[in-house]
Amino acid sequence: MKIKSYQVYLFAITFIMVVVACSKNASTDTAPVVASCDPNTSFSKTILPLFNSTCNLSGCHDGPNAAALNNFQVVHDNASQIRASISTGRMPKDKTLAITDKNAILCWIDNGAKNN
């Protein structure tokens, strides 16, 4: 049986739809930041513990794969990239942050990413 070109296209479109349907749910990953934002969100008490429990894990930000987000200078220097990755749902890898955690990180970055 000869495969026709429209069958190849149909298969490709079906495959792409399945892959997209199985990816992270965009509505939960890109949820907007809520209006309440504490401008005094603490790096040492809030942000670093979130990164240690969510990002600084084997296969993620553990050095060989990506810079460990385990100190202020590294996080501060990469704040804009971290913000973009969290906002789009690319981070954390294979997980979803609670909206409160996502908001805390974005709030901290938006308020100057202070070493507090």
N, C-alpha and C. Protein backbone atom coordinates (compact mmCIF):
# COMPACT_ATOMS: atom_id res chain seq x y z
N MET A 1 0.84 -1.17 0.00
CA MET A 1 0.00 0.00 0.00
C MET A 1 0.89 1.24 0.00
N LYS A 2 0.59 2.16 -0.87
CA LYS A 2 1.38 3.37 -1.00
C LYS A 2 0.81 4.45 -0.08
N ILE A 3 1.71 5.11 0.67
CA ILE A 3 1.29 6.19 1.57
C ILE A 3 1.23 7.48 0.77
N LYS A 4 0.13 8.16 0.88
CA LYS A 4 -0.06 9.41 0.15
C LYS A 4 0.39 10.58 1.02
N SER A 5 0.75 11.66 0.37
CA SER A 5 1.30 12.82 1.09
C SER A 5 0.30 13.39 2.10
N TYR A 6 -0.99 13.37 1.82
CA TYR A 6 -1.95 13.90 2.79
C TYR A 6 -1.99 13.05 4.05
N GLN A 7 -1.68 11.74 3.92
CA GLN A 7 -1.65 10.87 5.09
C GLN A 7 -0.46 11.23 5.99
N VAL A 8 0.65 11.59 5.39
CA VAL A 8 1.82 12.01 6.16
C VAL A 8 1.51 13.29 6.92
N TYR A 9 0.88 14.25 6.22
CA TYR A 9 0.51 15.51 6.87
C TYR A 9 -0.49 15.29 8.00
N LEU A 10 -1.45 14.43 7.77
CA LEU A 10 -2.44 14.13 8.80
C LEU A 10 -1.78 13.51 10.02
N PHE A 11 -0.86 12.59 9.79
CA PHE A 11 -0.12 11.97 10.90
C PHE A 11 0.68 13.02 11.66
N ALA A 12 1.37 13.90 10.95
CA ALA A 12 2.21 14.94 11.57
C ALA A 12 1.36 15.87 12.42
N ILE A 13 0.23 16.29 11.91
CA ILE A 13 -0.66 17.19 12.66
C ILE A 13 -1.19 16.49 13.90
N THR A 14 -1.59 15.25 13.78
CA THR A 14 -2.09 14.48 14.92
C THR A 14 -1.00 14.33 15.97
N PHE A 15 0.21 14.03 15.55
CA PHE A 15 1.33 13.87 16.47
C PHE A 15 1.59 15.17 17.24
N ILE A 16 1.60 16.29 16.53
CA ILE A 16 1.84 17.59 17.17
C ILE A 16 0.74 17.90 18.18
N MET A 17 -0.50 17.61 17.84
CA MET A 17 -1.61 17.86 18.75
C MET A 17 -1.48 17.03 20.02
N VAL A 18 -1.05 15.80 19.90
CA VAL A 18 -0.88 14.93 21.07
C VAL A 18 0.25 15.47 21.95
N VAL A 19 1.35 15.86 21.36
CA VAL A 19 2.48 16.38 22.13
C VAL A 19 2.09 17.65 22.87
N VAL A 20 1.41 18.55 22.20
CA VAL A 20 0.98 19.80 22.84
C VAL A 20 -0.02 19.51 23.95
N ALA A 21 -0.93 18.60 23.73
CA ALA A 21 -1.94 18.28 24.74
C ALA A 21 -1.32 17.65 25.98
N CYS A 22 -0.18 17.00 25.84
CA CYS A 22 0.46 16.34 26.97
C CYS A 22 1.48 17.24 27.68
N SER A 23 1.67 18.45 27.20
CA SER A 23 2.62 19.35 27.85
C SER A 23 1.97 20.02 29.05
N LYS A 24 2.74 20.81 29.78
CA LYS A 24 2.21 21.50 30.95
C LYS A 24 1.00 22.34 30.58
N ASN A 25 0.09 22.45 31.50
CA ASN A 25 -1.12 23.25 31.30
C ASN A 25 -0.75 24.73 31.37
N ALA A 26 -0.87 25.43 30.27
CA ALA A 26 -0.48 26.84 30.21
C ALA A 26 -1.29 27.71 31.15
N SER A 27 -2.52 27.38 31.39
CA SER A 27 -3.34 28.23 32.24
C SER A 27 -2.85 28.25 33.67
N THR A 28 -2.24 27.17 34.16
CA THR A 28 -1.71 27.19 35.52
C THR A 28 -0.28 27.69 35.56
N ASP A 29 0.46 27.51 34.47
CA ASP A 29 1.86 27.92 34.46
C ASP A 29 2.04 29.41 34.26
N THR A 30 1.13 30.04 33.57
CA THR A 30 1.28 31.45 33.27
C THR A 30 0.21 32.28 33.98
N ALA A 31 -0.26 31.77 35.10
CA ALA A 31 -1.27 32.51 35.85
C ALA A 31 -0.71 33.88 36.23
N PRO A 32 -1.54 34.90 36.15
CA PRO A 32 -1.05 36.25 36.44
C PRO A 32 -0.68 36.42 37.90
N VAL A 33 0.23 37.33 38.12
CA VAL A 33 0.63 37.66 39.48
C VAL A 33 -0.52 38.40 40.14
N VAL A 34 -0.83 38.03 41.37
CA VAL A 34 -1.91 38.71 42.08
C VAL A 34 -1.45 40.09 42.50
N ALA A 35 -2.40 40.95 42.77
CA ALA A 35 -2.10 42.35 43.08
C ALA A 35 -1.28 42.51 44.35
N SER A 36 -1.51 41.64 45.34
CA SER A 36 -0.77 41.80 46.59
C SER A 36 0.66 41.31 46.42
N CYS A 37 1.56 42.19 46.81
CA CYS A 37 2.98 41.88 46.66
C CYS A 37 3.71 42.58 47.79
N ASP A 38 4.41 41.81 48.59
CA ASP A 38 5.16 42.40 49.69
C ASP A 38 6.51 42.86 49.17
N PRO A 39 6.75 44.17 49.11
CA PRO A 39 8.01 44.67 48.58
C PRO A 39 9.21 44.30 49.45
N ASN A 40 8.94 43.79 50.64
CA ASN A 40 10.02 43.38 51.54
C ASN A 40 10.22 41.87 51.56
N THR A 41 9.76 41.19 50.53
CA THR A 41 9.97 39.74 50.44
C THR A 41 11.46 39.46 50.62
N SER A 42 11.77 38.54 51.50
CA SER A 42 13.15 38.27 51.87
C SER A 42 13.79 37.20 50.99
N PHE A 43 14.99 37.52 50.50
CA PHE A 43 15.73 36.52 49.73
C PHE A 43 16.09 35.34 50.62
N SER A 44 16.67 35.61 51.78
CA SER A 44 17.18 34.53 52.63
C SER A 44 16.08 33.71 53.29
N LYS A 45 14.94 34.34 53.60
CA LYS A 45 13.87 33.62 54.30
C LYS A 45 12.81 33.03 53.38
N THR A 46 12.65 33.60 52.18
CA THR A 46 11.57 33.15 51.29
C THR A 46 12.10 32.60 49.97
N ILE A 47 12.90 33.39 49.27
CA ILE A 47 13.31 33.03 47.90
C ILE A 47 14.30 31.87 47.89
N LEU A 48 15.38 31.97 48.66
CA LEU A 48 16.38 30.90 48.67
C LEU A 48 15.79 29.55 49.10
N PRO A 49 14.97 29.50 50.15
CA PRO A 49 14.35 28.21 50.48
C PRO A 49 13.48 27.64 49.35
N LEU A 50 12.78 28.52 48.61
CA LEU A 50 11.99 28.04 47.47
C LEU A 50 12.89 27.42 46.40
N PHE A 51 13.98 28.10 46.07
CA PHE A 51 14.90 27.57 45.07
C PHE A 51 15.55 26.27 45.56
N ASN A 52 15.89 26.20 46.83
CA ASN A 52 16.52 24.99 47.36
C ASN A 52 15.58 23.79 47.31
N SER A 53 14.29 24.03 47.53
CA SER A 53 13.35 22.90 47.54
C SER A 53 12.78 22.58 46.16
N THR A 54 12.89 23.51 45.22
CA THR A 54 12.26 23.31 43.92
C THR A 54 13.24 23.26 42.75
N CYS A 55 14.33 23.99 42.84
CA CYS A 55 15.22 24.15 41.69
C CYS A 55 16.60 23.52 41.85
N ASN A 56 17.16 23.60 43.03
CA ASN A 56 18.53 23.10 43.24
C ASN A 56 18.52 21.59 43.50
N LEU A 57 18.07 20.88 42.50
CA LEU A 57 17.90 19.43 42.60
C LEU A 57 18.67 18.74 41.48
N SER A 58 18.96 17.49 41.66
CA SER A 58 19.66 16.72 40.64
C SER A 58 18.92 16.78 39.31
N GLY A 59 19.66 17.10 38.25
CA GLY A 59 19.08 17.17 36.93
C GLY A 59 18.49 18.53 36.60
N CYS A 60 18.54 19.44 37.52
CA CYS A 60 17.98 20.77 37.28
C CYS A 60 19.10 21.79 37.49
N HIS A 61 19.04 22.55 38.55
CA HIS A 61 20.09 23.54 38.84
C HIS A 61 21.05 22.94 39.87
N ASP A 62 21.84 22.01 39.41
CA ASP A 62 22.77 21.34 40.31
C ASP A 62 24.22 21.49 39.85
N GLY A 63 24.50 22.49 39.07
CA GLY A 63 25.87 22.73 38.62
C GLY A 63 26.13 22.29 37.20
N PRO A 64 26.21 20.98 36.94
CA PRO A 64 26.58 20.54 35.59
C PRO A 64 25.55 20.92 34.52
N ASN A 65 24.27 20.90 34.87
CA ASN A 65 23.22 21.19 33.90
C ASN A 65 22.91 22.68 33.79
N ALA A 66 22.88 23.35 34.91
CA ALA A 66 22.59 24.79 34.96
C ALA A 66 23.14 25.31 36.27
N ALA A 67 23.47 26.58 36.29
CA ALA A 67 24.04 27.18 37.50
C ALA A 67 23.12 26.95 38.69
N ALA A 68 23.71 26.52 39.78
CA ALA A 68 22.94 26.33 41.01
C ALA A 68 22.43 27.67 41.48
N LEU A 69 21.16 27.72 41.81
CA LEU A 69 20.54 28.96 42.30
C LEU A 69 20.59 28.96 43.83
N ASN A 70 21.80 28.82 44.35
CA ASN A 70 21.94 28.62 45.79
C ASN A 70 22.63 29.77 46.53
N ASN A 71 22.81 30.91 45.83
CA ASN A 71 23.34 32.08 46.52
C ASN A 71 22.80 33.34 45.87
N PHE A 72 22.84 34.42 46.64
CA PHE A 72 22.25 35.67 46.18
C PHE A 72 22.82 36.13 44.86
N GLN A 73 24.13 36.13 44.70
CA GLN A 73 24.75 36.71 43.51
C GLN A 73 24.29 36.01 42.23
N VAL A 74 24.25 34.70 42.23
CA VAL A 74 23.83 33.95 41.04
C VAL A 74 22.36 34.25 40.73
N VAL A 75 21.52 34.23 41.75
CA VAL A 75 20.09 34.49 41.53
C VAL A 75 19.89 35.92 41.06
N HIS A 76 20.54 36.87 41.70
CA HIS A 76 20.41 38.28 41.33
C HIS A 76 20.86 38.51 39.89
N ASP A 77 22.01 37.94 39.52
CA ASP A 77 22.56 38.14 38.18
C ASP A 77 21.70 37.52 37.09
N ASN A 78 20.88 36.56 37.45
CA ASN A 78 20.02 35.88 36.48
C ASN A 78 18.54 36.18 36.69
N ALA A 79 18.24 37.23 37.43
CA ALA A 79 16.87 37.54 37.81
C ALA A 79 15.93 37.69 36.61
N SER A 80 16.36 38.40 35.58
CA SER A 80 15.45 38.60 34.44
C SER A 80 15.16 37.28 33.72
N GLN A 81 16.17 36.42 33.60
CA GLN A 81 15.95 35.12 32.96
C GLN A 81 15.08 34.23 33.85
N ILE A 82 15.29 34.29 35.14
CA ILE A 82 14.47 33.51 36.08
C ILE A 82 13.02 33.98 35.99
N ARG A 83 12.83 35.29 35.94
CA ARG A 83 11.47 35.84 35.86
C ARG A 83 10.76 35.34 34.60
N ALA A 84 11.45 35.42 33.49
CA ALA A 84 10.85 34.97 32.23
C ALA A 84 10.54 33.48 32.27
N SER A 85 11.45 32.69 32.81
CA SER A 85 11.25 31.23 32.86
C SER A 85 10.11 30.84 33.80
N ILE A 86 9.97 31.54 34.90
CA ILE A 86 8.87 31.24 35.83
C ILE A 86 7.55 31.71 35.24
N SER A 87 7.55 32.89 34.63
CA SER A 87 6.32 33.44 34.06
C SER A 87 5.76 32.57 32.95
N THR A 88 6.63 31.97 32.15
CA THR A 88 6.18 31.14 31.04
C THR A 88 5.95 29.68 31.42
N GLY A 89 6.36 29.31 32.64
CA GLY A 89 6.18 27.93 33.09
C GLY A 89 7.33 27.00 32.72
N ARG A 90 8.40 27.54 32.12
CA ARG A 90 9.56 26.69 31.79
C ARG A 90 10.26 26.23 33.06
N MET A 91 10.18 27.02 34.10
CA MET A 91 10.75 26.65 35.39
C MET A 91 9.60 26.60 36.39
N PRO A 92 9.66 25.72 37.31
CA PRO A 92 10.66 24.67 37.46
C PRO A 92 10.41 23.51 36.51
N LYS A 93 11.48 22.87 36.14
CA LYS A 93 11.43 21.75 35.20
C LYS A 93 10.60 20.61 35.79
N ASP A 94 9.66 20.13 35.02
CA ASP A 94 8.82 18.98 35.38
C ASP A 94 7.99 19.19 36.65
N LYS A 95 7.79 20.45 37.04
CA LYS A 95 6.98 20.76 38.23
C LYS A 95 6.19 22.01 37.95
N THR A 96 5.27 22.29 38.84
CA THR A 96 4.52 23.54 38.78
C THR A 96 4.61 24.20 40.14
N LEU A 97 4.99 25.46 40.15
CA LEU A 97 5.04 26.21 41.41
C LEU A 97 3.64 26.58 41.85
N ALA A 98 3.43 26.57 43.15
CA ALA A 98 2.18 27.11 43.68
C ALA A 98 2.14 28.59 43.33
N ILE A 99 0.96 29.12 43.08
CA ILE A 99 0.84 30.51 42.67
C ILE A 99 1.43 31.44 43.73
N THR A 100 1.31 31.11 44.99
CA THR A 100 1.89 31.95 46.05
C THR A 100 3.41 31.97 45.97
N ASP A 101 4.02 30.83 45.65
CA ASP A 101 5.47 30.76 45.50
C ASP A 101 5.93 31.52 44.27
N LYS A 102 5.20 31.33 43.17
CA LYS A 102 5.51 32.05 41.94
C LYS A 102 5.42 33.56 42.17
N ASN A 103 4.35 33.98 42.84
CA ASN A 103 4.17 35.40 43.12
C ASN A 103 5.28 35.95 44.01
N ALA A 104 5.71 35.18 44.99
CA ALA A 104 6.78 35.64 45.89
C ALA A 104 8.06 35.89 45.10
N ILE A 105 8.41 34.97 44.21
CA ILE A 105 9.64 35.12 43.42
C ILE A 105 9.53 36.32 42.48
N LEU A 106 8.42 36.41 41.76
CA LEU A 106 8.24 37.51 40.83
C LEU A 106 8.18 38.85 41.56
N CYS A 107 7.54 38.89 42.70
CA CYS A 107 7.46 40.10 43.51
C CYS A 107 8.86 40.52 43.96
N TRP A 108 9.64 39.58 44.44
CA TRP A 108 11.01 39.88 44.89
C TRP A 108 11.83 40.45 43.74
N ILE A 109 11.74 39.85 42.57
CA ILE A 109 12.49 40.34 41.41
C ILE A 109 11.98 41.73 41.01
N ASP A 110 10.67 41.90 40.95
CA ASP A 110 10.08 43.18 40.52
C ASP A 110 10.39 44.32 41.49
N ASN A 111 10.73 43.98 42.72
CA ASN A 111 11.04 45.00 43.72
C ASN A 111 12.55 45.17 43.92
N GLY A 112 13.32 44.81 42.91
CA GLY A 112 14.74 45.10 42.93
C GLY A 112 15.65 43.94 43.29
N ALA A 113 15.10 42.78 43.55
CA ALA A 113 15.91 41.59 43.86
C ALA A 113 16.96 41.92 44.92
N LYS A 114 16.47 42.35 46.07
CA LYS A 114 17.35 42.79 47.17
C LYS A 114 17.95 41.62 47.93
N ASN A 115 19.14 41.85 48.46
CA ASN A 115 19.81 40.86 49.30
C ASN A 115 19.37 41.10 50.73
N ASN A 116 18.20 40.58 51.05
CA ASN A 116 17.65 40.79 52.40
C ASN A 116 17.27 39.48 53.05
